């Protein structure tokens, strides 16, 4: 398998853990990870891990501004993959 595949597996696992950790900090009323950093992990390829963590931990699911940004990132990534990978064949 490609090294890129392993990169995305590791990145999505790390993104899942970062989002879970932010939820733990929220429960304990501690200083949180910024939304910017959470979205940054999504932008660089952790969309699946972030989405799974949002569902599993019910984290950031009621904050519409975050959800709009998250889904916009996901849609853009789908278009990029479609046009870069599929259209280039």
PDB file of N, CA and C in Angstrom:
ATOM      1  N   UNK A   1       0.826  -1.187   0.000  1.00  0.00           N
ATOM      2  CA  UNK A   1       0.000   0.000   0.000  1.00  0.00           C
ATOM      3  C   UNK A   1       0.870   1.249   0.000  1.00  0.00           C
ATOM      4  N   UNK A   2       0.288   2.295  -0.446  1.00  0.00           N
ATOM      5  CA  UNK A   2       1.001   3.559  -0.570  1.00  0.00           C
ATOM      6  C   UNK A   2       1.245   4.185   0.796  1.00  0.00           C
ATOM      7  N   UNK A   3       2.344   4.918   0.898  1.00  0.00           N
ATOM      8  CA  UNK A   3       2.645   5.624   2.135  1.00  0.00           C
ATOM      9  C   UNK A   3       1.597   6.704   2.416  1.00  0.00           C
ATOM     10  N   UNK A   4       0.987   7.229   1.353  1.00  0.00           N
ATOM     11  CA  UNK A   4      -0.072   8.226   1.508  1.00  0.00           C
ATOM     12  C   UNK A   4      -1.273   7.630   2.242  1.00  0.00           C
ATOM     13  N   UNK A   5      -1.583   6.367   1.970  1.00  0.00           N
ATOM     14  CA  UNK A   5      -2.682   5.687   2.655  1.00  0.00           C
ATOM     15  C   UNK A   5      -2.407   5.621   4.158  1.00  0.00           C
ATOM     16  N   UNK A   6      -1.207   5.219   4.535  1.00  0.00           N
ATOM     17  CA  UNK A   6      -0.857   5.139   5.951  1.00  0.00           C
ATOM     18  C   UNK A   6      -0.844   6.515   6.609  1.00  0.00           C
ATOM     19  N   UNK A   7      -0.419   7.529   5.852  1.00  0.00           N
ATOM     20  CA  UNK A   7      -0.449   8.897   6.352  1.00  0.00           C
ATOM     21  C   UNK A   7      -1.870   9.302   6.722  1.00  0.00           C
ATOM     22  N   UNK A   8      -2.840   9.023   5.856  1.00  0.00           N
ATOM     23  CA  UNK A   8      -4.222   9.402   6.132  1.00  0.00           C
ATOM     24  C   UNK A   8      -4.825   8.587   7.270  1.00  0.00           C
ATOM     25  N   UNK A   9      -4.447   7.329   7.396  1.00  0.00           N
ATOM     26  CA  UNK A   9      -4.926   6.522   8.524  1.00  0.00           C
ATOM     27  C   UNK A   9      -4.426   7.119   9.833  1.00  0.00           C
ATOM     28  N   UNK A  10      -3.134   7.405   9.914  1.00  0.00           N
ATOM     29  CA  UNK A  10      -2.554   7.971  11.133  1.00  0.00           C
ATOM     30  C   UNK A  10      -3.128   9.357  11.412  1.00  0.00           C
ATOM     31  N   UNK A  11      -3.241  10.178  10.373  1.00  0.00           N
ATOM     32  CA  UNK A  11      -3.782  11.528  10.535  1.00  0.00           C
ATOM     33  C   UNK A  11      -5.217  11.497  11.046  1.00  0.00           C
ATOM     34  N   UNK A  12      -6.047  10.612  10.531  1.00  0.00           N
ATOM     35  CA  UNK A  12      -7.430  10.527  10.975  1.00  0.00           C
ATOM     36  C   UNK A  12      -7.532   9.991  12.398  1.00  0.00           C
ATOM     37  N   UNK A  13      -6.664   9.077  12.772  1.00  0.00           N
ATOM     38  CA  UNK A  13      -6.636   8.609  14.165  1.00  0.00           C
ATOM     39  C   UNK A  13      -6.229   9.743  15.109  1.00  0.00           C
ATOM     40  N   UNK A  14      -5.214  10.502  14.722  1.00  0.00           N
ATOM     41  CA  UNK A  14      -4.796  11.637  15.548  1.00  0.00           C
ATOM     42  C   UNK A  14      -5.887  12.699  15.647  1.00  0.00           C
ATOM     43  N   UNK A  15      -6.562  12.969  14.539  1.00  0.00           N
ATOM     44  CA  UNK A  15      -7.646  13.944  14.547  1.00  0.00           C
ATOM     45  C   UNK A  15      -8.782  13.477  15.450  1.00  0.00           C
ATOM     46  N   UNK A  16      -9.091  12.184  15.406  1.00  0.00           N
ATOM     47  CA  UNK A  16     -10.107  11.621  16.293  1.00  0.00           C
ATOM     48  C   UNK A  16      -9.719  11.836  17.752  1.00  0.00           C
ATOM     49  N   UNK A  17      -8.468  11.559  18.079  1.00  0.00           N
ATOM     50  CA  UNK A  17      -8.000  11.707  19.452  1.00  0.00           C
ATOM     51  C   UNK A  17      -7.975  13.168  19.898  1.00  0.00           C
ATOM     52  N   UNK A  18      -7.585  14.074  19.008  1.00  0.00           N
ATOM     53  CA  UNK A  18      -7.566  15.502  19.351  1.00  0.00           C
ATOM     54  C   UNK A  18      -8.980  16.001  19.641  1.00  0.00           C
ATOM     55  N   UNK A  19      -9.934  15.584  18.819  1.00  0.00           N
ATOM     56  CA  UNK A  19     -11.322  15.991  19.029  1.00  0.00           C
ATOM     57  C   UNK A  19     -11.874  15.386  20.316  1.00  0.00           C
ATOM     58  N   UNK A  20     -11.528  14.148  20.585  1.00  0.00           N
ATOM     59  CA  UNK A  20     -11.954  13.509  21.836  1.00  0.00           C
ATOM     60  C   UNK A  20     -11.349  14.225  23.038  1.00  0.00           C
ATOM     61  N   UNK A  21     -10.100  14.608  22.932  1.00  0.00           N
ATOM     62  CA  UNK A  21      -9.435  15.332  24.016  1.00  0.00           C
ATOM     63  C   UNK A  21     -10.090  16.694  24.249  1.00  0.00           C
ATOM     64  N   UNK A  22     -10.471  17.371  23.183  1.00  0.00           N
ATOM     65  CA  UNK A  22     -11.158  18.649  23.320  1.00  0.00           C
ATOM     66  C   UNK A  22     -12.497  18.459  24.026  1.00  0.00           C
ATOM     67  N   UNK A  23     -13.198  17.381  23.733  1.00  0.00           N
ATOM     68  CA  UNK A  23     -14.461  17.090  24.421  1.00  0.00           C
ATOM     69  C   UNK A  23     -14.207  16.857  25.904  1.00  0.00           C
ATOM     70  N   UNK A  24     -13.145  16.139  26.236  1.00  0.00           N
ATOM     71  CA  UNK A  24     -12.794  15.909  27.642  1.00  0.00           C
ATOM     72  C   UNK A  24     -12.497  17.227  28.348  1.00  0.00           C
ATOM     73  N   UNK A  25     -11.761  18.110  27.674  1.00  0.00           N
ATOM     74  CA  UNK A  25     -11.479  19.426  28.246  1.00  0.00           C
ATOM     75  C   UNK A  25     -12.759  20.226  28.445  1.00  0.00           C
ATOM     76  N   UNK A  26     -13.706  20.097  27.521  1.00  0.00           N
ATOM     77  CA  UNK A  26     -14.980  20.806  27.643  1.00  0.00           C
ATOM     78  C   UNK A  26     -15.763  20.303  28.849  1.00  0.00           C
ATOM     79  N   UNK A  27     -15.747  19.007  29.063  1.00  0.00           N
ATOM     80  CA  UNK A  27     -16.465  18.428  30.205  1.00  0.00           C
ATOM     81  C   UNK A  27     -15.865  18.920  31.517  1.00  0.00           C
ATOM     82  N   UNK A  28     -14.534  19.027  31.557  1.00  0.00           N
ATOM     83  CA  UNK A  28     -13.840  19.441  32.784  1.00  0.00           C
ATOM     84  C   UNK A  28     -13.741  20.960  32.938  1.00  0.00           C
ATOM     85  N   UNK A  29     -14.368  21.711  31.999  1.00  0.00           N
ATOM     86  CA  UNK A  29     -14.308  23.183  32.015  1.00  0.00           C
ATOM     87  C   UNK A  29     -12.881  23.715  32.045  1.00  0.00           C
ATOM     88  N   UNK A  30     -12.023  23.084  31.275  1.00  0.00           N
ATOM     89  CA  UNK A  30     -10.627  23.508  31.146  1.00  0.00           C
ATOM     90  C   UNK A  30     -10.451  24.310  29.869  1.00  0.00           C
ATOM     91  N   UNK A  31      -9.254  24.856  29.692  1.00  0.00           N
ATOM     92  CA  UNK A  31      -8.951  25.595  28.468  1.00  0.00           C
ATOM     93  C   UNK A  31      -8.978  24.640  27.283  1.00  0.00           C
ATOM     94  N   UNK A  32      -9.666  25.035  26.222  1.00  0.00           N
ATOM     95  CA  UNK A  32      -9.967  24.153  25.101  1.00  0.00           C
ATOM     96  C   UNK A  32      -9.013  24.341  23.931  1.00  0.00           C
ATOM     97  N   UNK A  33      -9.066  23.377  23.020  1.00  0.00           N
ATOM     98  CA  UNK A  33      -8.369  23.477  21.746  1.00  0.00           C
ATOM     99  C   UNK A  33      -9.205  24.405  20.866  1.00  0.00           C
ATOM    100  N   UNK A  34      -8.565  25.320  20.184  1.00  0.00           N
ATOM    101  CA  UNK A  34      -9.315  26.293  19.394  1.00  0.00           C
ATOM    102  C   UNK A  34     -10.002  25.618  18.211  1.00  0.00           C
ATOM    103  N   UNK A  35     -11.134  26.214  17.801  1.00  0.00           N
ATOM    104  CA  UNK A  35     -11.837  25.698  16.631  1.00  0.00           C
ATOM    105  C   UNK A  35     -10.944  25.759  15.403  1.00  0.00           C
ATOM    106  N   UNK A  36     -10.127  26.791  15.358  1.00  0.00           N
ATOM    107  CA  UNK A  36      -9.202  26.926  14.224  1.00  0.00           C
ATOM    108  C   UNK A  36      -8.296  25.710  14.114  1.00  0.00           C
ATOM    109  N   UNK A  37      -7.752  25.256  15.241  1.00  0.00           N
ATOM    110  CA  UNK A  37      -6.868  24.084  15.218  1.00  0.00           C
ATOM    111  C   UNK A  37      -7.646  22.800  14.915  1.00  0.00           C
ATOM    112  N   UNK A  38      -8.861  22.699  15.435  1.00  0.00           N
ATOM    113  CA  UNK A  38      -9.671  21.518  15.120  1.00  0.00           C
ATOM    114  C   UNK A  38      -9.978  21.466  13.623  1.00  0.00           C
ATOM    115  N   UNK A  39     -10.311  22.616  13.051  1.00  0.00           N
ATOM    116  CA  UNK A  39     -10.591  22.659  11.613  1.00  0.00           C
ATOM    117  C   UNK A  39      -9.324  22.476  10.788  1.00  0.00           C
ATOM    118  N   UNK A  40      -8.188  22.899  11.309  1.00  0.00           N
ATOM    119  CA  UNK A  40      -6.923  22.702  10.602  1.00  0.00           C
ATOM    120  C   UNK A  40      -6.626  21.217  10.433  1.00  0.00           C
ATOM    121  N   UNK A  41      -6.878  20.432  11.477  1.00  0.00           N
ATOM    122  CA  UNK A  41      -6.662  18.985  11.352  1.00  0.00           C
ATOM    123  C   UNK A  41      -7.608  18.374  10.330  1.00  0.00           C
ATOM    124  N   UNK A  42      -8.783  18.968  10.192  1.00  0.00           N
ATOM    125  CA  UNK A  42      -9.741  18.512   9.187  1.00  0.00           C
ATOM    126  C   UNK A  42      -9.260  18.872   7.782  1.00  0.00           C
ATOM    127  N   UNK A  43      -8.776  20.097   7.623  1.00  0.00           N
ATOM    128  CA  UNK A  43      -8.324  20.573   6.313  1.00  0.00           C
ATOM    129  C   UNK A  43      -7.176  19.735   5.779  1.00  0.00           C
ATOM    130  N   UNK A  44      -6.240  19.355   6.629  1.00  0.00           N
ATOM    131  CA  UNK A  44      -5.068  18.620   6.142  1.00  0.00           C
ATOM    132  C   UNK A  44      -5.347  17.143   5.902  1.00  0.00           C
ATOM    133  N   UNK A  45      -6.604  16.721   6.099  1.00  0.00           N
ATOM    134  CA  UNK A  45      -6.951  15.347   5.738  1.00  0.00           C
ATOM    135  C   UNK A  45      -7.613  14.518   6.811  1.00  0.00           C
ATOM    136  N   UNK A  46      -7.906  15.105   7.956  1.00  0.00           N
ATOM    137  CA  UNK A  46      -8.508  14.346   9.048  1.00  0.00           C
ATOM    138  C   UNK A  46     -10.017  14.441   9.105  1.00  0.00           C
ATOM    139  N   UNK A  47     -10.656  14.586   7.960  1.00  0.00           N
ATOM    140  CA  UNK A  47     -12.100  14.781   7.915  1.00  0.00           C
ATOM    141  C   UNK A  47     -12.858  13.584   8.485  1.00  0.00           C
ATOM    142  N   UNK A  48     -12.453  12.398   8.136  1.00  0.00           N
ATOM    143  CA  UNK A  48     -13.149  11.200   8.608  1.00  0.00           C
ATOM    144  C   UNK A  48     -12.992  11.044  10.113  1.00  0.00           C
ATOM    145  N   UNK A  49     -11.783  11.227  10.613  1.00  0.00           N
ATOM    146  CA  UNK A  49     -11.549  11.122  12.057  1.00  0.00           C
ATOM    147  C   UNK A  49     -12.312  12.170  12.838  1.00  0.00           C
ATOM    148  N   UNK A  50     -12.337  13.376  12.321  1.00  0.00           N
ATOM    149  CA  UNK A  50     -13.063  14.459  12.978  1.00  0.00           C
ATOM    150  C   UNK A  50     -14.565  14.190  12.959  1.00  0.00           C
ATOM    151  N   UNK A  51     -15.075  13.761  11.826  1.00  0.00           N
ATOM    152  CA  UNK A  51     -16.496  13.459  11.711  1.00  0.00           C
ATOM    153  C   UNK A  51     -16.925  12.324  12.628  1.00  0.00           C
ATOM    154  N   UNK A  52     -16.115  11.282  12.699  1.00  0.00           N
ATOM    155  CA  UNK A  52     -16.431  10.169  13.598  1.00  0.00           C
ATOM    156  C   UNK A  52     -16.414  10.599  15.055  1.00  0.00           C
ATOM    157  N   UNK A  53     -15.427  11.406  15.429  1.00  0.00           N
ATOM    158  CA  UNK A  53     -15.349  11.885  16.803  1.00  0.00           C
ATOM    159  C   UNK A  53     -16.544  12.777  17.137  1.00  0.00           C
ATOM    160  N   UNK A  54     -16.963  13.585  16.171  1.00  0.00           N
ATOM    161  CA  UNK A  54     -18.132  14.435  16.403  1.00  0.00           C
ATOM    162  C   UNK A  54     -19.372  13.585  16.663  1.00  0.00           C
ATOM    163  N   UNK A  55     -19.505  12.480  15.939  1.00  0.00           N
ATOM    164  CA  UNK A  55     -20.654  11.607  16.135  1.00  0.00           C
ATOM    165  C   UNK A  55     -20.558  10.802  17.423  1.00  0.00           C
ATOM    166  N   UNK A  56     -19.389  10.234  17.682  1.00  0.00           N
ATOM    167  CA  UNK A  56     -19.217   9.373  18.853  1.00  0.00           C
ATOM    168  C   UNK A  56     -19.343  10.166  20.152  1.00  0.00           C
ATOM    169  N   UNK A  57     -18.728  11.330  20.209  1.00  0.00           N
ATOM    170  CA  UNK A  57     -18.690  12.114  21.445  1.00  0.00           C
ATOM    171  C   UNK A  57     -19.719  13.246  21.480  1.00  0.00           C
ATOM    172  N   UNK A  58     -20.511  13.376  20.417  1.00  0.00           N
ATOM    173  CA  UNK A  58     -21.490  14.471  20.289  1.00  0.00           C
ATOM    174  C   UNK A  58     -20.818  15.814  20.562  1.00  0.00           C
ATOM    175  N   UNK A  59     -19.705  15.988  19.911  1.00  0.00           N
ATOM    176  CA  UNK A  59     -18.893  17.184  20.129  1.00  0.00           C
ATOM    177  C   UNK A  59     -19.018  18.122  18.947  1.00  0.00           C
ATOM    178  N   UNK A  60     -19.346  19.368  19.215  1.00  0.00           N
ATOM    179  CA  UNK A  60     -19.491  20.426  18.209  1.00  0.00           C
ATOM    180  C   UNK A  60     -20.663  20.164  17.264  1.00  0.00           C
ATOM    181  N   UNK A  61     -21.586  19.304  17.629  1.00  0.00           N
ATOM    182  CA  UNK A  61     -22.695  18.976  16.738  1.00  0.00           C
ATOM    183  C   UNK A  61     -23.839  19.980  16.821  1.00  0.00           C
ATOM    184  N   UNK A  62     -23.844  20.816  17.824  1.00  0.00           N
ATOM    185  CA  UNK A  62     -24.914  21.820  17.922  1.00  0.00           C
ATOM    186  C   UNK A  62     -24.414  23.220  17.569  1.00  0.00           C
ATOM    187  N   UNK A  63     -23.146  23.356  17.291  1.00  0.00           N
ATOM    188  CA  UNK A  63     -22.590  24.657  16.939  1.00  0.00           C
ATOM    189  C   UNK A  63     -22.593  24.790  15.417  1.00  0.00           C
ATOM    190  N   UNK A  64     -23.586  25.521  14.914  1.00  0.00           N
ATOM    191  CA  UNK A  64     -23.811  25.598  13.470  1.00  0.00           C
ATOM    192  C   UNK A  64     -22.644  26.230  12.713  1.00  0.00           C
ATOM    193  N   UNK A  65     -21.989  27.224  13.291  1.00  0.00           N
ATOM    194  CA  UNK A  65     -20.872  27.854  12.579  1.00  0.00           C
ATOM    195  C   UNK A  65     -19.737  26.856  12.347  1.00  0.00           C
ATOM    196  N   UNK A  66     -19.489  26.000  13.315  1.00  0.00           N
ATOM    197  CA  UNK A  66     -18.465  24.969  13.165  1.00  0.00           C
ATOM    198  C   UNK A  66     -18.900  23.937  12.127  1.00  0.00           C
ATOM    199  N   UNK A  67     -20.158  23.524  12.196  1.00  0.00           N
ATOM    200  CA  UNK A  67     -20.659  22.521  11.259  1.00  0.00           C
ATOM    201  C   UNK A  67     -20.611  23.014   9.816  1.00  0.00           C
ATOM    202  N   UNK A  68     -20.969  24.279   9.585  1.00  0.00           N
ATOM    203  CA  UNK A  68     -20.897  24.833   8.231  1.00  0.00           C
ATOM    204  C   UNK A  68     -19.473  24.774   7.698  1.00  0.00           C
ATOM    205  N   UNK A  69     -18.518  25.157   8.528  1.00  0.00           N
ATOM    206  CA  UNK A  69     -17.116  25.134   8.102  1.00  0.00           C
ATOM    207  C   UNK A  69     -16.651  23.700   7.857  1.00  0.00           C
ATOM    208  N   UNK A  70     -17.042  22.798   8.745  1.00  0.00           N
ATOM    209  CA  UNK A  70     -16.656  21.387   8.620  1.00  0.00           C
ATOM    210  C   UNK A  70     -17.189  20.794   7.308  1.00  0.00           C
ATOM    211  N   UNK A  71     -18.473  21.004   7.035  1.00  0.00           N
ATOM    212  CA  UNK A  71     -19.055  20.439   5.819  1.00  0.00           C
ATOM    213  C   UNK A  71     -18.520  21.113   4.566  1.00  0.00           C
ATOM    214  N   UNK A  72     -18.230  22.385   4.624  1.00  0.00           N
ATOM    215  CA  UNK A  72     -17.631  23.069   3.485  1.00  0.00           C
ATOM    216  C   UNK A  72     -16.258  22.476   3.159  1.00  0.00           C
ATOM    217  N   UNK A  73     -15.469  22.226   4.208  1.00  0.00           N
ATOM    218  CA  UNK A  73     -14.161  21.586   4.025  1.00  0.00           C
ATOM    219  C   UNK A  73     -14.332  20.207   3.392  1.00  0.00           C
ATOM    220  N   UNK A  74     -15.285  19.432   3.901  1.00  0.00           N
ATOM    221  CA  UNK A  74     -15.526  18.092   3.359  1.00  0.00           C
ATOM    222  C   UNK A  74     -15.936  18.113   1.903  1.00  0.00           C
ATOM    223  N   UNK A  75     -16.827  19.034   1.539  1.00  0.00           N
ATOM    224  CA  UNK A  75     -17.273  19.144   0.148  1.00  0.00           C
ATOM    225  C   UNK A  75     -16.120  19.557  -0.758  1.00  0.00           C
ATOM    226  N   UNK A  76     -15.318  20.501  -0.313  1.00  0.00           N
ATOM    227  CA  UNK A  76     -14.160  20.926  -1.099  1.00  0.00           C
ATOM    228  C   UNK A  76     -13.175  19.781  -1.302  1.00  0.00           C
ATOM    229  N   UNK A  77     -12.980  18.978  -0.265  1.00  0.00           N
ATOM    230  CA  UNK A  77     -12.065  17.842  -0.389  1.00  0.00           C
ATOM    231  C   UNK A  77     -12.592  16.808  -1.385  1.00  0.00           C
ATOM    232  N   UNK A  78     -13.890  16.583  -1.394  1.00  0.00           N
ATOM    233  CA  UNK A  78     -14.472  15.646  -2.359  1.00  0.00           C
ATOM    234  C   UNK A  78     -14.250  16.155  -3.779  1.00  0.00           C
ATOM    235  N   UNK A  79     -14.484  17.442  -4.009  1.00  0.00           N
ATOM    236  CA  UNK A  79     -14.260  18.010  -5.337  1.00  0.00           C
ATOM    237  C   UNK A  79     -12.789  17.935  -5.745  1.00  0.00           C
ATOM    238  N   UNK A  80     -11.897  18.211  -4.819  1.00  0.00           N
ATOM    239  CA  UNK A  80     -10.464  18.149  -5.123  1.00  0.00           C
ATOM    240  C   UNK A  80     -10.062  16.736  -5.508  1.00  0.00           C
ATOM    241  N   UNK A  81     -10.504  15.759  -4.737  1.00  0.00           N
ATOM    242  CA  UNK A  81     -10.170  14.366  -5.045  1.00  0.00           C
ATOM    243  C   UNK A  81     -10.782  13.962  -6.380  1.00  0.00           C
ATOM    244  N   UNK A  82     -12.007  14.345  -6.613  1.00  0.00           N
ATOM    245  CA  UNK A  82     -12.672  13.991  -7.872  1.00  0.00           C
ATOM    246  C   UNK A  82     -11.933  14.570  -9.071  1.00  0.00           C
ATOM    247  N   UNK A  83     -11.638  15.859  -9.030  1.00  0.00           N
ATOM    248  CA  UNK A  83     -11.007  16.489 -10.185  1.00  0.00           C
ATOM    249  C   UNK A  83      -9.533  16.151 -10.318  1.00  0.00           C
ATOM    250  N   UNK A  84      -8.862  15.935  -9.220  1.00  0.00           N
ATOM    251  CA  UNK A  84      -7.433  15.641  -9.285  1.00  0.00           C
ATOM    252  C   UNK A  84      -7.170  14.169  -9.622  1.00  0.00           C
ATOM    253  N   UNK A  85      -7.888  13.280  -8.970  1.00  0.00           N
ATOM    254  CA  UNK A  85      -7.623  11.847  -9.131  1.00  0.00           C
ATOM    255  C   UNK A  85      -8.423  11.262 -10.286  1.00  0.00           C
ATOM    256  N   UNK A  86      -9.713  11.469 -10.287  1.00  0.00           N
ATOM    257  CA  UNK A  86     -10.564  10.799 -11.254  1.00  0.00           C
ATOM    258  C   UNK A  86     -10.477  11.449 -12.633  1.00  0.00           C
ATOM    259  N   UNK A  87     -10.495  12.763 -12.688  1.00  0.00           N
ATOM    260  CA  UNK A  87     -10.457  13.452 -13.973  1.00  0.00           C
ATOM    261  C   UNK A  87      -9.076  13.388 -14.633  1.00  0.00           C
ATOM    262  N   UNK A  88      -8.037  13.112 -13.860  1.00  0.00           N
ATOM    263  CA  UNK A  88      -6.694  13.076 -14.443  1.00  0.00           C
ATOM    264  C   UNK A  88      -6.407  11.754 -15.160  1.00  0.00           C
ATOM    265  N   UNK A  89      -7.277  10.780 -15.028  1.00  0.00           N
ATOM    266  CA  UNK A  89      -7.059   9.472 -15.682  1.00  0.00           C
ATOM    267  C   UNK A  89      -7.424   9.488 -17.117  1.00  0.00           C
TER     268      UNK A  89
END
